[in-house]
N, C-alpha and C. Protein backbone atom coordinates (compact mmCIF):
# COMPACT_ATOMS: atom_id res chain seq x y z
N MET A 1 -130.58 -33.28 -21.47
CA MET A 1 -131.02 -34.05 -20.72
C MET A 1 -131.64 -34.04 -19.55
N ARG A 2 -132.63 -34.46 -19.14
CA ARG A 2 -133.40 -34.53 -17.60
C ARG A 2 -132.95 -35.44 -17.32
N PRO A 3 -131.91 -35.65 -16.16
CA PRO A 3 -131.96 -37.11 -15.50
C PRO A 3 -133.22 -37.64 -14.71
N THR A 4 -133.56 -38.81 -14.78
CA THR A 4 -134.70 -39.62 -14.36
C THR A 4 -134.70 -40.38 -13.17
N LEU A 5 -135.37 -40.67 -12.58
CA LEU A 5 -135.40 -41.73 -11.51
C LEU A 5 -134.75 -42.82 -11.61
N LEU A 6 -134.40 -43.59 -13.01
CA LEU A 6 -133.71 -44.38 -13.30
C LEU A 6 -131.95 -44.53 -13.04
N GLN A 7 -131.91 -43.29 -14.24
CA GLN A 7 -130.84 -43.17 -13.76
C GLN A 7 -129.96 -42.64 -12.69
N TYR A 8 -130.67 -41.82 -11.73
CA TYR A 8 -129.94 -42.03 -10.38
C TYR A 8 -129.70 -43.37 -9.59
N LEU A 9 -131.08 -44.26 -9.82
CA LEU A 9 -131.11 -45.20 -9.07
C LEU A 9 -129.89 -46.08 -9.42
N ALA A 10 -129.64 -45.77 -10.86
CA ALA A 10 -128.41 -46.91 -11.50
C ALA A 10 -126.98 -45.97 -11.23
N VAL A 11 -126.91 -44.97 -11.10
CA VAL A 11 -125.80 -44.15 -10.48
C VAL A 11 -125.62 -44.94 -8.98
N GLY A 12 -126.60 -45.02 -8.21
CA GLY A 12 -126.46 -44.99 -6.46
C GLY A 12 -126.52 -46.74 -6.82
N GLY A 13 -126.87 -47.45 -7.52
CA GLY A 13 -126.45 -48.98 -7.14
C GLY A 13 -125.11 -49.37 -7.77
N ALA A 14 -124.35 -48.71 -8.77
CA ALA A 14 -123.07 -48.76 -9.34
C ALA A 14 -121.98 -48.08 -8.34
N GLY A 15 -122.66 -46.79 -7.65
CA GLY A 15 -122.00 -46.38 -6.64
C GLY A 15 -121.67 -47.10 -5.45
N PHE A 16 -122.61 -48.44 -4.82
CA PHE A 16 -122.87 -48.42 -3.66
C PHE A 16 -121.70 -49.79 -4.34
N LEU A 17 -122.05 -50.27 -5.42
CA LEU A 17 -120.50 -51.55 -5.54
C LEU A 17 -119.39 -50.96 -5.77
N GLY A 18 -118.87 -49.36 -6.39
CA GLY A 18 -117.85 -49.10 -6.36
C GLY A 18 -117.11 -48.84 -5.55
N ALA A 19 -117.68 -48.13 -4.22
CA ALA A 19 -117.39 -48.23 -2.76
C ALA A 19 -117.12 -49.74 -2.02
N ILE A 20 -117.84 -50.50 -2.22
CA ILE A 20 -117.55 -51.56 -1.66
C ILE A 20 -116.63 -52.18 -2.15
N SER A 21 -116.32 -52.05 -3.25
CA SER A 21 -115.08 -52.40 -4.27
C SER A 21 -113.66 -51.87 -3.45
N ARG A 22 -113.68 -50.36 -3.29
CA ARG A 22 -112.90 -49.89 -3.01
C ARG A 22 -112.36 -50.19 -1.58
N PHE A 23 -113.43 -50.44 -0.92
CA PHE A 23 -112.96 -50.92 0.88
C PHE A 23 -112.29 -51.91 1.05
N PHE A 24 -112.69 -52.97 -0.02
CA PHE A 24 -112.23 -54.09 -0.29
C PHE A 24 -111.03 -54.38 -0.65
N ILE A 25 -110.66 -53.77 -1.80
CA ILE A 25 -108.90 -53.49 -2.18
C ILE A 25 -108.18 -52.42 -1.21
N ALA A 26 -108.73 -51.84 -1.01
CA ALA A 26 -107.65 -50.99 0.16
C ALA A 26 -107.44 -51.88 1.53
N THR A 27 -108.41 -52.64 1.97
CA THR A 27 -108.52 -53.34 2.85
C THR A 27 -106.79 -54.33 2.88
N LEU A 28 -107.69 -55.39 1.46
CA LEU A 28 -106.81 -55.92 0.89
C LEU A 28 -105.11 -55.66 0.89
N SER A 29 -105.14 -54.50 0.11
CA SER A 29 -103.58 -53.85 0.02
C SER A 29 -103.23 -53.58 0.84
N GLY A 30 -103.63 -53.18 2.21
CA GLY A 30 -103.39 -52.83 3.69
C GLY A 30 -102.81 -53.91 4.35
N ARG A 31 -103.39 -55.27 3.93
CA ARG A 31 -102.71 -56.41 4.87
C ARG A 31 -101.88 -57.16 4.12
N THR A 32 -101.50 -56.77 2.62
CA THR A 32 -100.91 -57.89 2.11
C THR A 32 -99.68 -57.05 1.84
N LEU A 33 -99.67 -55.34 1.54
CA LEU A 33 -98.70 -54.51 1.28
C LEU A 33 -98.08 -53.77 1.98
N GLY A 34 -99.11 -53.92 3.17
CA GLY A 34 -98.60 -52.68 4.35
C GLY A 34 -99.08 -51.43 4.39
N THR A 35 -98.56 -50.75 5.35
CA THR A 35 -99.72 -49.43 5.49
C THR A 35 -98.51 -48.51 5.67
N ASP A 36 -97.10 -48.46 5.22
CA ASP A 36 -96.64 -47.77 5.08
C ASP A 36 -96.36 -46.42 4.10
N PHE A 37 -97.31 -46.89 3.38
CA PHE A 37 -97.16 -46.23 1.81
C PHE A 37 -98.50 -46.60 1.31
N PRO A 38 -99.56 -45.76 0.71
CA PRO A 38 -100.92 -45.71 0.42
C PRO A 38 -100.83 -46.61 -0.76
N TRP A 39 -100.82 -47.75 -0.59
CA TRP A 39 -100.95 -49.02 -1.97
C TRP A 39 -102.06 -48.90 -1.97
N GLY A 40 -103.09 -48.88 -1.78
CA GLY A 40 -104.54 -49.15 -1.69
C GLY A 40 -105.12 -48.64 -2.82
N THR A 41 -104.97 -47.35 -2.49
CA THR A 41 -105.39 -45.83 -2.78
C THR A 41 -104.80 -45.85 -4.19
N LEU A 42 -103.09 -45.98 -4.16
CA LEU A 42 -102.58 -46.16 -5.71
C LEU A 42 -103.26 -47.19 -6.48
N ILE A 43 -103.65 -48.36 -5.92
CA ILE A 43 -103.83 -49.49 -7.06
C ILE A 43 -105.15 -48.89 -7.17
N ILE A 44 -106.34 -48.38 -6.61
CA ILE A 44 -107.56 -48.44 -6.58
C ILE A 44 -107.59 -46.97 -7.66
N ASN A 45 -106.89 -46.05 -7.73
CA ASN A 45 -106.63 -45.06 -8.65
C ASN A 45 -106.38 -45.38 -9.95
N ILE A 46 -105.12 -46.37 -10.19
CA ILE A 46 -104.86 -46.90 -11.30
C ILE A 46 -105.58 -47.82 -11.99
N THR A 47 -106.47 -48.47 -11.06
CA THR A 47 -107.51 -49.70 -11.75
C THR A 47 -108.55 -48.55 -12.29
N GLY A 48 -109.57 -47.53 -11.34
CA GLY A 48 -110.05 -47.06 -11.82
C GLY A 48 -110.27 -45.86 -13.22
N SER A 49 -108.52 -45.24 -13.25
CA SER A 49 -108.23 -44.75 -14.40
C SER A 49 -108.39 -45.82 -15.40
N PHE A 50 -107.83 -47.07 -15.68
CA PHE A 50 -108.05 -47.86 -16.95
C PHE A 50 -109.50 -48.28 -17.03
N ILE A 51 -110.05 -49.30 -16.17
CA ILE A 51 -111.54 -49.33 -15.99
C ILE A 51 -112.25 -48.30 -17.05
N LEU A 52 -112.04 -46.66 -16.55
CA LEU A 52 -112.54 -45.76 -17.29
C LEU A 52 -112.03 -45.58 -18.59
N GLY A 53 -111.21 -45.54 -18.72
CA GLY A 53 -110.39 -45.26 -20.03
C GLY A 53 -110.92 -46.54 -21.28
N TRP A 54 -111.09 -47.39 -20.77
CA TRP A 54 -111.64 -48.63 -21.32
C TRP A 54 -112.81 -48.25 -21.60
N PHE A 55 -113.68 -48.56 -20.18
CA PHE A 55 -115.46 -48.47 -20.57
C PHE A 55 -115.59 -46.92 -21.82
N THR A 56 -115.42 -46.20 -21.63
CA THR A 56 -115.76 -44.80 -22.13
C THR A 56 -115.04 -45.09 -23.36
N THR A 57 -114.22 -45.59 -23.94
CA THR A 57 -113.63 -46.06 -25.86
C THR A 57 -114.63 -47.13 -26.27
N VAL A 58 -114.56 -48.27 -25.50
CA VAL A 58 -115.48 -48.96 -26.13
C VAL A 58 -117.44 -48.57 -26.22
N VAL A 59 -117.59 -47.75 -25.34
CA VAL A 59 -118.93 -47.38 -25.19
C VAL A 59 -119.31 -46.30 -26.48
N THR A 60 -117.70 -45.46 -27.01
CA THR A 60 -117.83 -44.79 -27.62
C THR A 60 -117.30 -45.05 -29.22
N SER A 61 -117.18 -45.68 -28.99
CA SER A 61 -116.32 -46.78 -30.47
C SER A 61 -117.11 -47.64 -30.93
N ARG A 62 -117.64 -48.50 -30.05
CA ARG A 62 -117.92 -49.85 -31.07
C ARG A 62 -119.30 -50.63 -30.30
N MET A 63 -119.57 -49.55 -28.96
CA MET A 63 -120.73 -50.61 -28.54
C MET A 63 -121.96 -49.52 -28.18
N ILE A 64 -123.46 -50.12 -28.40
CA ILE A 64 -124.21 -48.58 -27.92
C ILE A 64 -124.80 -48.92 -26.55
N VAL A 65 -124.48 -48.36 -25.46
CA VAL A 65 -125.78 -48.75 -24.22
C VAL A 65 -126.20 -47.50 -23.88
N SER A 66 -127.16 -47.63 -23.00
CA SER A 66 -127.72 -46.58 -22.54
C SER A 66 -127.52 -45.95 -21.95
N ASP A 67 -128.17 -44.41 -21.46
CA ASP A 67 -126.90 -43.21 -20.68
C ASP A 67 -127.31 -44.09 -19.50
N GLU A 68 -128.30 -44.86 -19.19
CA GLU A 68 -128.19 -45.59 -17.48
C GLU A 68 -127.24 -46.23 -17.21
N LEU A 69 -126.85 -47.10 -18.30
CA LEU A 69 -125.40 -48.10 -17.83
C LEU A 69 -124.26 -47.06 -18.39
N ARG A 70 -124.26 -46.11 -18.89
CA ARG A 70 -123.03 -45.14 -19.27
C ARG A 70 -122.96 -44.48 -17.74
N LEU A 71 -123.83 -43.94 -17.31
CA LEU A 71 -123.71 -43.53 -15.78
C LEU A 71 -123.37 -44.11 -14.59
N ALA A 72 -124.02 -45.02 -14.77
CA ALA A 72 -123.95 -46.18 -13.63
C ALA A 72 -122.51 -46.51 -13.68
N ILE A 73 -122.01 -47.35 -14.72
CA ILE A 73 -120.18 -47.36 -14.92
C ILE A 73 -119.22 -45.95 -14.74
N GLY A 74 -119.64 -44.92 -15.29
CA GLY A 74 -118.76 -43.86 -15.61
C GLY A 74 -118.85 -43.06 -14.26
N VAL A 75 -120.15 -42.56 -13.97
CA VAL A 75 -120.47 -41.77 -12.72
C VAL A 75 -120.33 -42.67 -11.35
N GLY A 76 -121.11 -43.23 -11.34
CA GLY A 76 -121.29 -44.51 -10.43
C GLY A 76 -120.15 -44.99 -9.75
N PHE A 77 -120.23 -46.43 -10.59
CA PHE A 77 -119.22 -47.19 -9.88
C PHE A 77 -117.46 -46.52 -10.14
N VAL A 78 -117.07 -45.86 -11.16
CA VAL A 78 -115.61 -45.83 -10.85
C VAL A 78 -115.79 -44.01 -10.07
N GLY A 79 -116.80 -43.57 -10.11
CA GLY A 79 -116.55 -42.55 -9.30
C GLY A 79 -116.55 -42.84 -7.62
N ALA A 80 -117.40 -43.81 -7.34
CA ALA A 80 -117.21 -44.03 -6.11
C ALA A 80 -115.89 -44.98 -5.82
N TYR A 81 -115.44 -45.68 -7.02
CA TYR A 81 -114.30 -46.45 -6.59
C TYR A 81 -113.26 -45.71 -6.67
N THR A 82 -112.98 -44.88 -7.08
CA THR A 82 -111.62 -43.93 -6.97
C THR A 82 -111.97 -43.06 -5.96
N THR A 83 -111.08 -42.27 -5.87
CA THR A 83 -110.79 -41.04 -4.59
C THR A 83 -109.74 -40.27 -4.79
N PHE A 84 -109.84 -39.11 -4.95
CA PHE A 84 -108.95 -37.99 -4.92
C PHE A 84 -108.57 -37.44 -3.76
N SER A 85 -110.13 -37.29 -2.72
CA SER A 85 -110.10 -36.78 -1.54
C SER A 85 -108.86 -37.74 -0.65
N THR A 86 -109.23 -39.16 -0.63
CA THR A 86 -108.41 -39.68 0.20
C THR A 86 -106.77 -39.40 -0.52
N PHE A 87 -106.50 -39.76 -1.57
CA PHE A 87 -104.93 -39.31 -2.51
C PHE A 87 -104.84 -38.15 -1.52
N MET A 88 -105.05 -37.31 -1.59
CA MET A 88 -104.43 -35.72 -1.03
C MET A 88 -104.57 -36.54 0.23
N TRP A 89 -105.18 -36.36 1.36
CA TRP A 89 -104.98 -36.61 2.32
C TRP A 89 -104.09 -37.18 2.65
N GLU A 90 -104.16 -38.77 2.31
CA GLU A 90 -102.78 -39.64 2.62
C GLU A 90 -101.49 -39.02 2.10
N SER A 91 -101.34 -38.05 1.16
CA SER A 91 -100.77 -37.55 0.51
C SER A 91 -100.07 -36.23 1.78
N SER A 92 -100.88 -35.62 2.25
CA SER A 92 -100.44 -34.80 3.10
C SER A 92 -100.35 -35.31 4.42
N ALA A 93 -101.35 -36.58 5.09
CA ALA A 93 -100.18 -37.52 5.98
C ALA A 93 -99.09 -37.38 5.95
N LEU A 94 -98.23 -38.08 4.85
CA LEU A 94 -97.27 -38.33 4.87
C LEU A 94 -95.73 -37.41 4.63
N MET A 95 -96.66 -35.87 4.44
CA MET A 95 -96.14 -34.67 4.86
C MET A 95 -95.40 -34.60 6.13
N ASN A 96 -96.79 -34.53 6.76
CA ASN A 96 -97.22 -34.13 8.50
C ASN A 96 -96.39 -35.07 8.95
N GLN A 97 -95.88 -36.15 8.37
CA GLN A 97 -94.99 -37.47 8.92
C GLN A 97 -93.63 -37.42 8.94
N GLY A 98 -93.16 -35.85 7.92
CA GLY A 98 -91.95 -35.88 7.48
C GLY A 98 -91.56 -37.12 6.35
N GLU A 99 -92.47 -37.79 5.85
CA GLU A 99 -92.07 -38.77 4.92
C GLU A 99 -92.14 -37.89 3.26
N TRP A 100 -91.73 -37.14 2.93
CA TRP A 100 -91.61 -36.37 1.78
C TRP A 100 -91.46 -36.56 0.68
N ILE A 101 -90.39 -37.93 0.97
CA ILE A 101 -89.96 -38.66 -0.38
C ILE A 101 -91.06 -39.37 -0.80
N LYS A 102 -92.11 -40.42 0.17
CA LYS A 102 -92.88 -40.99 0.05
C LYS A 102 -93.97 -40.17 -0.34
N ALA A 103 -94.30 -39.15 -0.24
CA ALA A 103 -95.44 -38.26 -0.41
C ALA A 103 -95.25 -37.86 -1.91
N GLY A 104 -94.45 -37.16 -2.30
CA GLY A 104 -93.56 -37.10 -3.76
C GLY A 104 -94.04 -38.27 -4.46
N LEU A 105 -93.36 -39.67 -4.41
CA LEU A 105 -93.59 -40.41 -5.04
C LEU A 105 -95.17 -40.51 -4.86
N ASN A 106 -95.80 -40.84 -4.47
CA ASN A 106 -97.15 -40.88 -4.38
C ASN A 106 -97.96 -39.78 -5.11
N LEU A 107 -97.75 -38.57 -4.99
CA LEU A 107 -98.54 -37.57 -5.70
C LEU A 107 -97.96 -37.43 -6.92
N ILE A 108 -96.59 -37.43 -7.47
CA ILE A 108 -95.95 -37.79 -9.21
C ILE A 108 -96.23 -39.21 -9.43
N GLY A 109 -96.55 -40.20 -8.96
CA GLY A 109 -96.32 -41.49 -9.13
C GLY A 109 -97.73 -41.56 -9.58
N SER A 110 -98.64 -41.84 -8.87
CA SER A 110 -100.23 -41.72 -8.92
C SER A 110 -100.71 -40.75 -10.31
N LEU A 111 -100.34 -39.74 -10.74
CA LEU A 111 -100.43 -38.95 -11.44
C LEU A 111 -99.91 -39.33 -12.97
N VAL A 112 -99.06 -39.79 -13.00
CA VAL A 112 -98.39 -40.36 -13.88
C VAL A 112 -98.80 -41.85 -14.29
N LEU A 113 -98.81 -42.89 -13.29
CA LEU A 113 -99.36 -43.94 -13.77
C LEU A 113 -101.15 -43.96 -13.52
N GLY A 114 -101.37 -42.78 -13.07
CA GLY A 114 -102.94 -42.89 -13.61
C GLY A 114 -103.30 -42.61 -15.32
N LEU A 115 -102.43 -41.37 -15.52
CA LEU A 115 -102.34 -41.28 -17.21
C LEU A 115 -101.83 -42.40 -18.13
N ILE A 116 -100.92 -43.00 -17.31
CA ILE A 116 -100.92 -44.19 -18.13
C ILE A 116 -101.39 -45.05 -18.62
N ALA A 117 -102.28 -45.25 -17.36
CA ALA A 117 -103.37 -46.27 -16.90
C ALA A 117 -104.64 -46.21 -18.16
N VAL A 118 -104.94 -44.65 -17.80
CA VAL A 118 -105.99 -44.23 -18.58
C VAL A 118 -105.63 -44.54 -19.98
N ARG A 119 -104.70 -44.44 -20.60
CA ARG A 119 -104.11 -44.06 -22.06
C ARG A 119 -104.30 -45.82 -22.38
N LEU A 120 -103.44 -46.91 -21.52
CA LEU A 120 -103.82 -48.16 -21.23
C LEU A 120 -105.22 -48.85 -21.68
N GLY A 121 -106.24 -48.39 -21.00
CA GLY A 121 -108.05 -48.55 -21.30
C GLY A 121 -108.13 -48.11 -22.29
N VAL A 122 -107.66 -46.74 -22.89
CA VAL A 122 -108.16 -46.40 -23.85
C VAL A 122 -107.47 -47.26 -25.01
N TYR A 123 -106.10 -47.59 -25.01
CA TYR A 123 -106.11 -48.62 -26.16
C TYR A 123 -106.59 -49.60 -26.18
N ALA A 124 -106.81 -50.67 -24.83
CA ALA A 124 -107.41 -51.89 -24.62
C ALA A 124 -109.01 -51.96 -25.49
N GLY A 125 -109.86 -50.91 -24.99
CA GLY A 125 -111.01 -50.36 -25.13
C GLY A 125 -110.60 -50.24 -27.02
N ALA A 126 -109.92 -49.80 -27.56
CA ALA A 126 -110.11 -49.68 -28.88
C ALA A 126 -109.52 -50.96 -29.95
N ARG A 127 -108.83 -51.52 -29.20
CA ARG A 127 -108.95 -52.96 -29.83
C ARG A 127 -109.92 -54.55 -29.86
């Protein structure tokens, strides 16, 4: 498949929405849950895992969508919404602060909860 201008625009537009959503949730999480632990990134990555699991299941099992929409949601929105690099940076920062337990909880918890979230998304998408 050769990407078209429409596909690039779909990814870019949805990516803008994903990035804005990520910033909003990170800011809201920091204000409501505090900043001693990277709650915002954890929430974002878990919800993004759920969204991708749900969306991918729905569009592969029971809904026909265009390549542009599939790319917009999967690559654009979810790709900009979730963040591996921030997850790693915040885990490293916790280690640098001597917060090894928090760093471990962030690393292990994010991986386990992210996998559970994607599986729940697949389950919800199959219903």
